[in-house]
Protein backbone atom coordinates (compact mmCIF):
# COMPACT_ATOMS: atom_id res chain seq x y z
CA MET A 1 0.05 -0.02 0.04
CA GLU A 2 2.77 2.53 1.04
CA GLU A 3 5.26 1.41 -1.61
CA VAL A 4 2.79 1.39 -4.58
CA PHE A 5 -0.29 3.57 -4.30
CA GLY A 6 0.88 6.35 -1.95
CA PRO A 7 -1.63 9.17 -1.17
CA ARG A 8 -3.89 8.73 -4.22
CA PRO A 9 -7.54 8.11 -4.72
CA VAL A 10 -8.16 4.45 -5.41
CA ARG A 11 -11.23 2.44 -6.36
CA GLN A 12 -12.00 -1.26 -6.06
CA TRP A 13 -13.37 -3.04 -9.03
CA VAL A 14 -14.61 -6.65 -8.54
CA LEU A 15 -15.34 -8.80 -11.58
CA SER A 16 -16.97 -12.32 -11.13
CA PHE A 17 -17.68 -14.79 -13.82
CA PRO A 18 -20.21 -17.51 -14.71
CA TYR A 19 -19.76 -21.03 -13.36
CA PRO A 20 -18.35 -22.49 -16.64
CA LEU A 21 -15.65 -19.85 -16.73
CA ARG A 22 -14.71 -20.31 -13.10
CA PHE A 23 -14.08 -23.96 -13.86
CA LEU A 24 -11.99 -23.04 -16.93
CA PHE A 25 -9.88 -20.64 -14.98
CA ALA A 26 -9.34 -23.30 -12.20
CA SER A 27 -8.49 -26.15 -14.53
CA LYS A 28 -6.64 -23.92 -17.14
CA PRO A 29 -4.74 -21.15 -15.30
CA GLU A 30 -2.92 -20.04 -18.45
CA ALA A 31 -6.45 -18.64 -19.67
CA ILE A 32 -6.42 -16.15 -16.83
CA GLY A 33 -3.73 -13.89 -18.16
CA PRO A 34 -5.16 -12.95 -21.56
CA VAL A 35 -8.61 -12.53 -19.99
CA LEU A 36 -7.24 -10.10 -17.43
CA VAL A 37 -5.61 -8.19 -20.20
CA ILE A 38 -9.04 -7.88 -21.96
CA VAL A 39 -10.66 -6.61 -18.77
CA GLN A 40 -7.79 -4.10 -17.95
CA ARG A 41 -8.20 -2.57 -21.50
CA VAL A 42 -11.88 -2.26 -21.24
CA ILE A 43 -11.71 -0.49 -17.76
CA ALA A 44 -8.62 1.67 -18.85
CA GLY A 45 -10.41 2.75 -21.89
CA TRP A 46 -13.58 3.69 -20.09
CA LEU A 47 -11.54 5.71 -17.43
CA ALA A 48 -9.64 7.64 -20.47
CA ASP A 49 -13.07 8.46 -22.05
CA GLN A 50 -14.37 9.82 -18.59
CA VAL A 51 -11.57 12.32 -18.28
CA GLY A 52 -11.26 13.18 -22.00
CA VAL A 53 -7.88 11.75 -22.70
CA ASP A 54 -6.94 9.95 -25.77
CA HIS A 55 -6.51 6.18 -25.29
CA ALA A 56 -2.97 6.04 -26.75
CA SER A 57 -1.73 8.68 -24.18
CA ALA A 58 -3.74 7.58 -21.17
CA GLN A 59 -1.64 6.12 -18.28
CA CYS A 60 -3.60 4.21 -15.80
CA GLY A 61 -2.49 1.96 -12.86
CA ALA A 62 -3.96 -1.02 -11.05
CA VAL A 63 -3.15 -3.91 -8.97
CA THR A 64 -5.17 -7.18 -9.34
CA LEU A 65 -5.60 -9.89 -6.70
CA ILE A 66 -6.87 -13.10 -8.26
CA GLN A 67 -9.05 -14.61 -5.57
CA ARG A 68 -10.01 -18.18 -5.84
CA PHE A 69 -12.57 -18.74 -2.99
CA GLY A 70 -16.01 -17.46 -2.08
CA SER A 71 -17.65 -16.93 1.17
CA ALA A 72 -18.69 -20.61 1.71
CA LEU A 73 -15.13 -21.91 0.86
CA ASN A 74 -16.45 -22.54 -2.60
CA LEU A 75 -14.21 -22.39 -5.60
CA ASN A 76 -14.86 -19.08 -7.20
CA VAL A 77 -12.07 -17.57 -9.35
CA HIS A 78 -12.70 -13.89 -9.60
CA PHE A 79 -10.80 -10.50 -9.87
CA HIS A 80 -10.29 -7.94 -7.13
CA MET A 81 -8.72 -4.89 -8.98
CA LEU A 82 -7.57 -1.64 -7.17
CA TRP A 83 -7.51 1.00 -9.82
CA LEU A 84 -6.24 4.49 -9.54
CA ASP A 85 -9.40 6.68 -9.77
CA GLY A 86 -8.30 8.66 -12.62
CA VAL A 87 -5.78 8.88 -15.48
CA TYR A 88 -2.37 10.31 -16.25
CA ASP A 89 -1.92 11.95 -19.77
CA ALA A 90 1.49 11.01 -21.01
CA ASN A 91 1.46 13.76 -23.92
CA VAL A 92 0.45 16.84 -21.75
CA GLU A 93 2.59 16.40 -18.85
CA PRO A 94 6.16 17.81 -19.40
CA PRO A 95 9.05 15.42 -18.58
CA ARG A 96 10.76 15.37 -15.16
CA ARG A 97 7.68 17.03 -13.42
CA LYS A 98 5.23 15.36 -11.19
CA PRO A 99 2.38 14.12 -13.37
CA ARG A 100 -1.11 15.19 -12.34
CA LEU A 101 -3.90 12.57 -11.91
CA ARG A 102 -7.15 13.65 -13.64
CA ARG A 103 -10.04 12.26 -11.53
CA ALA A 104 -12.83 10.17 -12.94
CA ARG A 105 -16.31 10.02 -11.81
CA ALA A 106 -17.64 6.97 -10.07
CA PRO A 107 -19.34 4.65 -12.65
CA THR A 108 -23.19 4.48 -12.51
CA SER A 109 -25.11 1.26 -12.61
CA ALA A 110 -25.90 1.62 -16.31
CA GLN A 111 -22.28 2.26 -17.07
CA LEU A 112 -21.31 -0.90 -15.19
CA THR A 113 -23.85 -2.96 -17.07
CA GLN A 114 -22.46 -1.54 -20.28
CA LEU A 115 -18.91 -2.44 -19.27
CA ALA A 116 -19.90 -5.90 -18.12
CA ASN A 117 -21.48 -6.58 -21.42
CA THR A 118 -18.31 -5.38 -23.35
CA ILE A 119 -16.14 -7.49 -21.09
CA ALA A 120 -18.42 -10.48 -21.45
CA HIS A 121 -18.55 -10.22 -25.29
CA ARG A 122 -14.87 -9.79 -25.74
CA VAL A 123 -13.93 -12.44 -23.25
CA CYS A 124 -16.16 -15.08 -24.70
CA ARG A 125 -14.95 -14.23 -28.26
CA HIS A 126 -11.39 -14.69 -27.24
CA LEU A 127 -11.98 -17.96 -25.42
CA THR A 128 -13.92 -19.23 -28.53
CA ARG A 129 -10.99 -18.47 -30.75
CA LYS A 130 -8.72 -20.30 -28.34
CA GLY A 131 -10.94 -23.40 -28.56
CA TRP A 132 -12.08 -23.35 -25.01
CA LEU A 133 -15.69 -22.36 -25.72
CA GLU A 134 -18.04 -23.54 -28.46
CA GLY A 135 -21.36 -22.46 -29.63
CA GLU A 136 -22.83 -18.86 -30.40
CA ASP A 137 -24.50 -16.22 -28.41
CA GLU A 138 -26.70 -17.70 -25.57
CA SER A 139 -25.68 -21.32 -26.47
CA VAL A 140 -21.97 -21.03 -25.55
CA PHE A 141 -20.55 -24.02 -23.57
CA LEU A 142 -17.20 -25.37 -22.58
CA SER A 143 -15.38 -27.53 -24.97
CA ASP A 144 -13.71 -30.74 -24.15
CA SER A 145 -10.30 -28.99 -24.28
CA ALA A 146 -11.30 -27.08 -21.06
CA ALA A 147 -10.72 -30.04 -18.90
CA GLY A 148 -7.84 -30.31 -16.75
CA ASP A 149 -5.26 -33.02 -16.78
CA ASP A 150 -4.64 -33.34 -12.98
CA GLY A 151 -7.67 -35.49 -11.80
CA MET A 152 -9.00 -32.52 -9.82
CA ASP A 153 -11.97 -31.65 -12.27
CA GLY A 154 -14.50 -33.53 -10.14
CA LEU A 155 -13.62 -31.73 -6.98
CA ARG A 156 -13.39 -28.33 -8.67
CA MET A 157 -16.94 -28.57 -10.22
CA SER A 158 -18.42 -29.80 -6.97
CA SER A 159 -16.83 -26.88 -5.01
CA ILE A 160 -17.91 -24.28 -7.65
CA THR A 161 -21.61 -25.60 -7.54
CA TYR A 162 -21.79 -25.99 -3.81
CA ARG A 163 -22.08 -29.75 -3.99
CA ILE A 164 -20.75 -32.69 -2.04
CA ALA A 165 -17.61 -34.14 -3.78
CA THR A 166 -17.00 -37.53 -1.92
CA GLY A 167 -18.89 -40.29 -0.25
CA ARG A 168 -22.34 -41.68 -0.67
CA ASP A 169 -23.96 -38.21 -0.97
CA ALA A 170 -21.66 -37.16 -3.70
CA GLY A 171 -23.62 -34.73 -5.99
CA ARG A 172 -26.08 -33.47 -3.44
CA LYS A 173 -26.12 -29.96 -2.30
CA VAL A 174 -23.94 -28.96 0.64
CA VAL A 175 -25.67 -28.95 4.02
CA THR A 176 -26.65 -25.36 5.16
CA LEU A 177 -28.14 -23.86 8.28
CA GLN A 178 -30.72 -21.19 8.05
CA THR A 179 -30.90 -19.39 11.39
CA LEU A 180 -32.19 -16.07 10.07
CA PRO A 181 -35.30 -15.22 8.07
CA GLY A 182 -35.01 -14.76 4.41
CA ASP A 183 -34.66 -11.42 2.89
CA ALA A 184 -35.73 -10.91 -0.76
CA GLY A 185 -33.92 -7.56 -1.10
CA SER A 186 -30.45 -7.45 -2.73
CA LEU A 187 -27.41 -7.09 -0.50
CA GLU A 188 -25.06 -6.44 -3.42
CA GLY A 189 -25.78 -2.88 -4.24
CA ASP A 190 -25.35 -1.43 -7.64
CA ALA A 191 -23.59 -3.86 -10.06
CA GLY A 192 -23.48 -4.52 -13.76
CA LYS A 193 -24.66 -7.99 -14.57
CA VAL A 194 -24.60 -9.61 -17.85
CA GLY A 195 -24.97 -13.45 -18.66
CA GLY A 196 -23.27 -14.39 -15.37
CA PHE A 197 -20.69 -11.72 -15.48
CA SER A 198 -20.93 -9.35 -12.58
CA LEU A 199 -18.92 -6.00 -12.17
CA HIS A 200 -18.97 -3.91 -8.95
CA ALA A 201 -17.11 -0.77 -8.37
CA GLY A 202 -18.80 0.78 -5.30
CA VAL A 203 -15.83 0.99 -2.98
CA ALA A 204 -13.31 3.80 -3.12
CA ALA A 205 -10.61 5.51 -0.90
CA GLU A 206 -9.75 9.12 -1.17
CA ALA A 207 -6.20 10.22 -1.13
CA HIS A 208 -6.22 11.14 2.54
CA GLU A 209 -8.04 7.95 3.60
CA SER A 210 -5.05 5.65 3.89
CA HIS A 211 -6.66 3.77 6.70
CA LYS A 212 -9.47 2.85 4.47
CA LEU A 213 -7.15 1.77 1.69
CA GLU A 214 -5.14 -0.47 4.16
CA LYS A 215 -8.39 -2.05 5.28
CA LEU A 216 -9.31 -2.74 1.61
CA CYS A 217 -5.92 -4.23 0.97
CA ARG A 218 -6.05 -6.43 3.93
CA TYR A 219 -9.63 -7.62 2.94
CA ILE A 220 -8.58 -8.60 -0.70
CA THR A 221 -5.40 -10.30 0.39
CA ARG A 222 -7.01 -12.28 3.29
CA PRO A 223 -6.65 -16.04 3.27
CA ALA A 224 -9.51 -18.23 2.22
CA ILE A 225 -10.37 -19.57 5.83
CA SER A 226 -11.21 -17.70 8.96
CA GLU A 227 -10.32 -19.86 11.84
CA GLN A 228 -12.49 -17.81 14.06
CA ARG A 229 -15.56 -19.00 12.22
CA LEU A 230 -14.47 -22.59 11.88
CA SER A 231 -15.75 -25.19 14.36
CA ILE A 232 -16.91 -28.88 14.84
CA SER A 233 -20.61 -29.46 15.21
CA PRO A 234 -22.01 -31.79 18.00
CA GLN A 235 -22.36 -34.49 15.30
CA GLY A 236 -18.75 -34.28 14.40
CA ARG A 237 -19.10 -32.39 11.13
CA VAL A 238 -16.98 -29.36 10.09
CA ARG A 239 -19.09 -26.18 10.46
CA TYR A 240 -18.19 -22.96 8.82
CA GLN A 241 -20.10 -19.62 9.77
CA LEU A 242 -20.65 -17.15 6.81
CA LYS A 243 -19.37 -13.72 7.49
CA THR A 244 -22.49 -12.24 5.86
CA PRO A 245 -25.74 -14.28 5.78
CA TRP A 246 -27.11 -15.21 2.50
CA ARG A 247 -30.43 -13.65 1.39
CA ASN A 248 -32.37 -16.79 2.23
CA GLY A 249 -31.20 -16.63 5.83
CA THR A 250 -28.29 -19.12 5.56
CA THR A 251 -25.65 -18.46 8.26
CA HIS A 252 -23.52 -21.68 8.21
CA VAL A 253 -22.43 -24.61 5.81
CA GLU A 254 -21.45 -27.97 6.93
CA TRP A 255 -19.35 -30.88 5.63
CA ASP A 256 -18.09 -34.12 6.86
CA ALA A 257 -14.23 -34.35 7.40
CA VAL A 258 -13.34 -35.96 3.99
CA ASP A 259 -15.50 -33.54 1.91
CA PHE A 260 -13.98 -30.57 3.91
CA ILE A 261 -10.66 -31.72 2.78
CA ALA A 262 -11.94 -31.87 -0.81
CA LYS A 263 -12.99 -28.34 -0.60
CA LEU A 264 -9.63 -27.23 0.55
CA ALA A 265 -7.85 -29.20 -2.13
CA ALA A 266 -9.93 -27.30 -4.77
CA LEU A 267 -8.99 -24.02 -3.44
CA VAL A 268 -5.25 -24.61 -3.61
CA PRO A 269 -3.72 -22.55 -6.66
CA PRO A 270 -1.51 -24.38 -9.22
CA PRO A 271 2.19 -24.19 -8.77
CA ARG A 272 3.87 -20.99 -10.03
CA ALA A 273 0.56 -19.12 -10.50
CA HIS A 274 0.91 -15.50 -9.71
CA LEU A 275 -2.16 -14.21 -8.03
CA THR A 276 -1.14 -10.46 -7.84
CA ARG A 277 -0.63 -8.71 -10.97
CA PHE A 278 0.51 -5.08 -11.54
CA HIS A 279 -0.79 -3.08 -14.46
CA GLY A 280 -0.12 0.20 -16.18
CA VAL A 281 2.09 2.85 -14.41
CA PHE A 282 2.59 0.04 -11.59
CA ALA A 283 3.81 -2.55 -13.96
CA PRO A 284 7.51 -3.39 -13.14
CA ASN A 285 8.86 -1.92 -16.33
CA ALA A 286 6.50 0.99 -16.71
CA ASN A 287 8.30 4.28 -17.53
CA LEU A 288 6.42 6.16 -14.78
CA ARG A 289 6.65 3.70 -12.05
CA ALA A 290 9.76 5.16 -10.40
CA GLN A 291 8.23 8.58 -10.41
CA LEU A 292 4.77 7.80 -9.28
CA THR A 293 5.42 5.06 -6.65
CA PRO A 294 6.76 6.15 -3.19
CA SER A 295 9.25 3.20 -3.17
CA GLY A 296 10.87 4.76 -6.19
CA ARG A 297 11.80 1.46 -7.73
CA GLY A 298 11.58 1.02 -11.52
CA LYS A 299 12.85 2.83 -14.61
CA ARG A 300 13.98 6.31 -14.17
CA PRO A 301 14.93 8.97 -16.72
CA ALA A 302 18.58 9.80 -16.94
CA GLY A 303 19.69 12.36 -14.43
CA ASP A 304 17.01 11.89 -11.89
CA ALA A 305 18.64 10.84 -8.67
CA ALA A 306 15.46 10.44 -6.72
CA PRO A 307 11.77 9.61 -7.20
CA VAL A 308 9.49 12.75 -7.64
CA ASP A 309 6.67 11.40 -5.55
CA VAL A 310 8.22 11.11 -2.14
CA SER A 311 6.40 12.69 0.82
CA ALA A 312 8.18 15.56 2.66
CA HIS A 313 8.13 13.77 6.01
CA ASP A 314 10.03 10.62 4.40
CA GLU A 315 13.62 10.39 5.41
CA PRO A 316 16.03 10.20 2.31
CA ARG A 317 17.19 6.67 1.40
CA SER A 318 19.94 5.32 -0.50
CA PRO A 319 19.32 3.64 -4.01
CA GLU A 320 20.13 0.31 -2.29
CA GLU A 321 17.58 0.82 0.38
CA LYS A 322 14.88 1.87 -2.04
CA ARG A 323 15.45 -1.25 -4.18
CA ARG A 324 15.50 -3.54 -1.07
CA SER A 325 12.26 -5.28 -0.14
CA MET A 326 10.96 -5.25 3.24
CA SER A 327 12.63 -7.81 5.53
CA TRP A 328 10.82 -10.98 6.96
CA ALA A 329 10.97 -9.43 10.37
CA GLN A 330 9.25 -6.25 9.17
CA ARG A 331 6.67 -8.23 7.22
CA LEU A 332 5.88 -10.34 10.44
CA LYS A 333 5.58 -7.23 12.52
CA ARG A 334 3.50 -5.35 9.90
CA VAL A 335 1.01 -8.19 9.01
CA PHE A 336 0.82 -10.21 12.12
CA SER A 337 1.96 -7.80 14.86
CA ILE A 338 4.76 -10.32 15.83
CA ASP A 339 8.04 -8.49 16.72
CA VAL A 340 10.71 -11.17 16.41
CA THR A 341 13.41 -8.76 17.45
CA ALA A 342 12.06 -8.26 21.04
CA CYS A 343 12.07 -10.89 23.72
CA VAL A 344 8.77 -11.74 25.24
CA HIS A 345 10.40 -12.47 28.60
CA CYS A 346 12.34 -9.23 28.91
């Protein structure tokens, strides 16, 4: 948060996919990258249009967290994207000056629906060309080549569709506990929904709301399971409490021990799969990265000895310190409040 975004307005965009594409992304992780590029281009183009900047000169920035889990420990590959809430103009800003961010307005529900429709059309067209989808218009379905080769497809599909994966009850719906009355109203707020694609962009943090941005970053980088909401029922089944009750009043889901392990296995990402992606001005080789990020790491124009966007209260650091990542001791203290440099008995 401090080394990438700095004091800038940030908006969260969340994109979820229909069940068949969730299965495709879980079984074929190589399909995620090109789809993410499509999504980034659509949103970046919309931001450029909102502020009146030509697409060729618009400079946007985003960080994407690819989450694989839903609230009920179900397999749900979706994108949490933290976008700068505006655009830099590469042609207007003179060199070696701090670029100015041009703010964009929050998207309306109608605009989100239009964006979701554009994303859905382009993503399905791309996947059809790659041979992972077949059919036309509303009759699109996964092709045989979308299946994985690791023997996990049964567990993945059961997890995606909230069904039991193992034992004599395999194929049945997961046991749920409804302890609250149902609510017919929507708890999701404004969103663009088209054919199973859902696009949200209702959460934003202003430049001075660093605490809100930190809370947002912690939320999207959280692990799949909360141990505080995990328990064993009197019947010996694994019970998991939902953070937010479903609209029908469901507050808990239950599995037997073996099926719970199957659910966890489906959530494990494949080897060497990067779940955090940097885009635009935040990309590792972006020309403006060193100027716009507080850490100052990245390409820098000749003659620039220090990053432009360093806060006045920051102490000057050597180039070696700027390039060095946070130590493990610092990470433990920052994330888990564990100070390994201090003795607990002293």
